[in-house]
Structures are given as structure tokens and as C-alpha cells.
């Protein structure tokens, strides 16, 4: 499995307040970004997989909504997570 509990703890430890911080916007954005990159690689090999394409679109929308929320609340945290993940916007 591409996303096991050890990988989640690593993501939450790196981008959240700690390993148990699963609810902060930064940790959720980082988790969505990891899943988006995995699904993007899958879509490159399987162009006609429409259910995965729909799931990918939903994840991108959820990540964008969290980024918009973070931008409206604390611009410094927004800029830090965008820079850390290497997102375009």
C-alpha cells in the first residue's frame, strides 16, 4: 500500500505540530499533496481510469479550499506551506 500509517506519521510529524497532529491545515494539505502526486502518476499510466480522475479532481479541490482557508486566516503559514511543498500558487 502506498500510504501506510508510518508514512502518515512522517507527513504529520514534518508538517504538523507533531506526529499526532492530524487536523491542522498544514498537515492535511501535505497529506492531500502526497495523495495527489501518487494519483497523478497513476493517471499517467492509466489515462482511461475515470474514477481515479474524479477522485483526483476532488482532492485538488479539497486542497485548494484548505489553502484558501489558510490564506485568509494566516498568510505567513500559507506562504510557508506553499514553499515547503513547492506548490505553484
C-alpha atoms as a PDB file:
ATOM      1  CA  UNK A   1       0.000   0.000   0.000  1.00  0.00           C
ATOM      2  CA  UNK A   2       1.350   3.389  -0.928  1.00  0.00           C
ATOM      3  CA  UNK A   3       0.090   5.218   2.175  1.00  0.00           C
ATOM      4  CA  UNK A   4       0.619   3.265   5.375  1.00  0.00           C
ATOM      5  CA  UNK A   5       0.485   4.571   8.934  1.00  0.00           C
ATOM      6  CA  UNK A   6       4.256   5.086   9.082  1.00  0.00           C
ATOM      7  CA  UNK A   7       4.146   7.361   6.031  1.00  0.00           C
ATOM      8  CA  UNK A   8       1.221   9.311   7.514  1.00  0.00           C
ATOM      9  CA  UNK A   9       3.128   9.796  10.786  1.00  0.00           C
ATOM     10  CA  UNK A  10       6.121  11.035   8.811  1.00  0.00           C
ATOM     11  CA  UNK A  11       3.983  13.578   6.937  1.00  0.00           C
ATOM     12  CA  UNK A  12       2.187  14.733  10.086  1.00  0.00           C
ATOM     13  CA  UNK A  13       5.462  14.967  12.005  1.00  0.00           C
ATOM     14  CA  UNK A  14       7.102  17.052   9.301  1.00  0.00           C
ATOM     15  CA  UNK A  15       4.267  19.473   8.504  1.00  0.00           C
ATOM     16  CA  UNK A  16       2.078  19.404  11.620  1.00  0.00           C
ATOM     17  CA  UNK A  17       2.718  20.325  15.224  1.00  0.00           C
ATOM     18  CA  UNK A  18       3.645  16.712  15.998  1.00  0.00           C
ATOM     19  CA  UNK A  19       3.028  13.107  14.998  1.00  0.00           C
ATOM     20  CA  UNK A  20      -0.478  13.153  16.491  1.00  0.00           C
ATOM     21  CA  UNK A  21      -1.450  16.443  14.820  1.00  0.00           C
ATOM     22  CA  UNK A  22      -3.722  15.130  12.083  1.00  0.00           C
ATOM     23  CA  UNK A  23      -6.180  18.001  11.915  1.00  0.00           C
ATOM     24  CA  UNK A  24      -4.142  21.111  11.250  1.00  0.00           C
ATOM     25  CA  UNK A  25      -4.493  22.688   7.838  1.00  0.00           C
ATOM     26  CA  UNK A  26      -0.798  22.246   7.049  1.00  0.00           C
ATOM     27  CA  UNK A  27      -0.796  18.519   7.782  1.00  0.00           C
ATOM     28  CA  UNK A  28      -3.974  17.967   5.773  1.00  0.00           C
ATOM     29  CA  UNK A  29      -2.593  19.936   2.821  1.00  0.00           C
ATOM     30  CA  UNK A  30       0.622  17.911   2.928  1.00  0.00           C
ATOM     31  CA  UNK A  31      -1.325  14.639   3.038  1.00  0.00           C
ATOM     32  CA  UNK A  32      -3.524  15.709   0.120  1.00  0.00           C
ATOM     33  CA  UNK A  33      -0.425  16.725  -1.842  1.00  0.00           C
ATOM     34  CA  UNK A  34       1.155  13.312  -1.296  1.00  0.00           C
ATOM     35  CA  UNK A  35      -2.032  11.561  -2.437  1.00  0.00           C
ATOM     36  CA  UNK A  36      -2.368  13.896  -5.436  1.00  0.00           C
ATOM     37  CA  UNK A  37       1.169  13.123  -6.588  1.00  0.00           C
ATOM     38  CA  UNK A  38       0.508   9.386  -6.279  1.00  0.00           C
ATOM     39  CA  UNK A  39      -2.738   9.590  -8.252  1.00  0.00           C
ATOM     40  CA  UNK A  40      -1.097  11.792 -10.890  1.00  0.00           C
ATOM     41  CA  UNK A  41       1.499   9.091 -11.541  1.00  0.00           C
ATOM     42  CA  UNK A  42      -1.295   6.519 -11.762  1.00  0.00           C
ATOM     43  CA  UNK A  43      -3.176   8.680 -14.263  1.00  0.00           C
ATOM     44  CA  UNK A  44      -0.094   8.982 -16.474  1.00  0.00           C
ATOM     45  CA  UNK A  45      -0.138   5.197 -16.939  1.00  0.00           C
ATOM     46  CA  UNK A  46      -3.920   4.698 -16.967  1.00  0.00           C
ATOM     47  CA  UNK A  47      -5.442   7.515 -18.986  1.00  0.00           C
ATOM     48  CA  UNK A  48      -8.921   5.998 -19.184  1.00  0.00           C
ATOM     49  CA  UNK A  49      -9.379   5.447 -15.446  1.00  0.00           C
ATOM     50  CA  UNK A  50     -12.230   7.898 -14.966  1.00  0.00           C
ATOM     51  CA  UNK A  51     -12.990   7.031 -11.330  1.00  0.00           C
ATOM     52  CA  UNK A  52      -9.430   7.880 -10.336  1.00  0.00           C
ATOM     53  CA  UNK A  53      -9.610  11.058 -12.374  1.00  0.00           C
ATOM     54  CA  UNK A  54     -12.733  12.077 -10.466  1.00  0.00           C
ATOM     55  CA  UNK A  55     -11.082  11.307  -7.128  1.00  0.00           C
ATOM     56  CA  UNK A  56      -8.018  13.312  -8.160  1.00  0.00           C
ATOM     57  CA  UNK A  57     -10.175  16.296  -9.083  1.00  0.00           C
ATOM     58  CA  UNK A  58     -11.909  16.099  -5.713  1.00  0.00           C
ATOM     59  CA  UNK A  59      -8.611  16.002  -3.838  1.00  0.00           C
ATOM     60  CA  UNK A  60      -7.294  19.002  -5.732  1.00  0.00           C
ATOM     61  CA  UNK A  61     -10.461  20.902  -4.825  1.00  0.00           C
ATOM     62  CA  UNK A  62     -10.184  19.972  -1.150  1.00  0.00           C
ATOM     63  CA  UNK A  63      -6.542  21.054  -1.074  1.00  0.00           C
ATOM     64  CA  UNK A  64      -7.406  24.344  -2.803  1.00  0.00           C
ATOM     65  CA  UNK A  65     -10.168  25.000  -0.260  1.00  0.00           C
ATOM     66  CA  UNK A  66      -7.791  24.385   2.644  1.00  0.00           C
ATOM     67  CA  UNK A  67      -5.180  26.635   1.043  1.00  0.00           C
ATOM     68  CA  UNK A  68      -7.772  29.393   0.603  1.00  0.00           C
ATOM     69  CA  UNK A  69      -8.816  28.988   4.250  1.00  0.00           C
ATOM     70  CA  UNK A  70      -5.218  29.180   5.429  1.00  0.00           C
ATOM     71  CA  UNK A  71      -4.546  32.201   3.211  1.00  0.00           C
ATOM     72  CA  UNK A  72      -7.479  34.084   4.705  1.00  0.00           C
ATOM     73  CA  UNK A  73      -6.529  33.194   8.304  1.00  0.00           C
ATOM     74  CA  UNK A  74      -2.735  33.435   8.391  1.00  0.00           C
ATOM     75  CA  UNK A  75      -0.793  34.473   5.298  1.00  0.00           C
ATOM     76  CA  UNK A  76       2.578  33.527   6.805  1.00  0.00           C
ATOM     77  CA  UNK A  77       1.519  29.916   7.422  1.00  0.00           C
ATOM     78  CA  UNK A  78       0.096  29.824   3.881  1.00  0.00           C
ATOM     79  CA  UNK A  79       3.339  31.055   2.344  1.00  0.00           C
ATOM     80  CA  UNK A  80       5.371  28.593   4.425  1.00  0.00           C
ATOM     81  CA  UNK A  81       3.357  25.536   3.373  1.00  0.00           C
ATOM     82  CA  UNK A  82       3.292  26.575  -0.297  1.00  0.00           C
ATOM     83  CA  UNK A  83       7.067  26.992  -0.241  1.00  0.00           C
ATOM     84  CA  UNK A  84       7.671  23.744   1.661  1.00  0.00           C
ATOM     85  CA  UNK A  85       5.540  21.692  -0.740  1.00  0.00           C
ATOM     86  CA  UNK A  86       6.661  23.536  -3.862  1.00  0.00           C
ATOM     87  CA  UNK A  87       3.151  24.422  -4.994  1.00  0.00           C
ATOM     88  CA  UNK A  88       2.717  26.940  -7.769  1.00  0.00           C
ATOM     89  CA  UNK A  89       0.199  29.217  -6.108  1.00  0.00           C
END
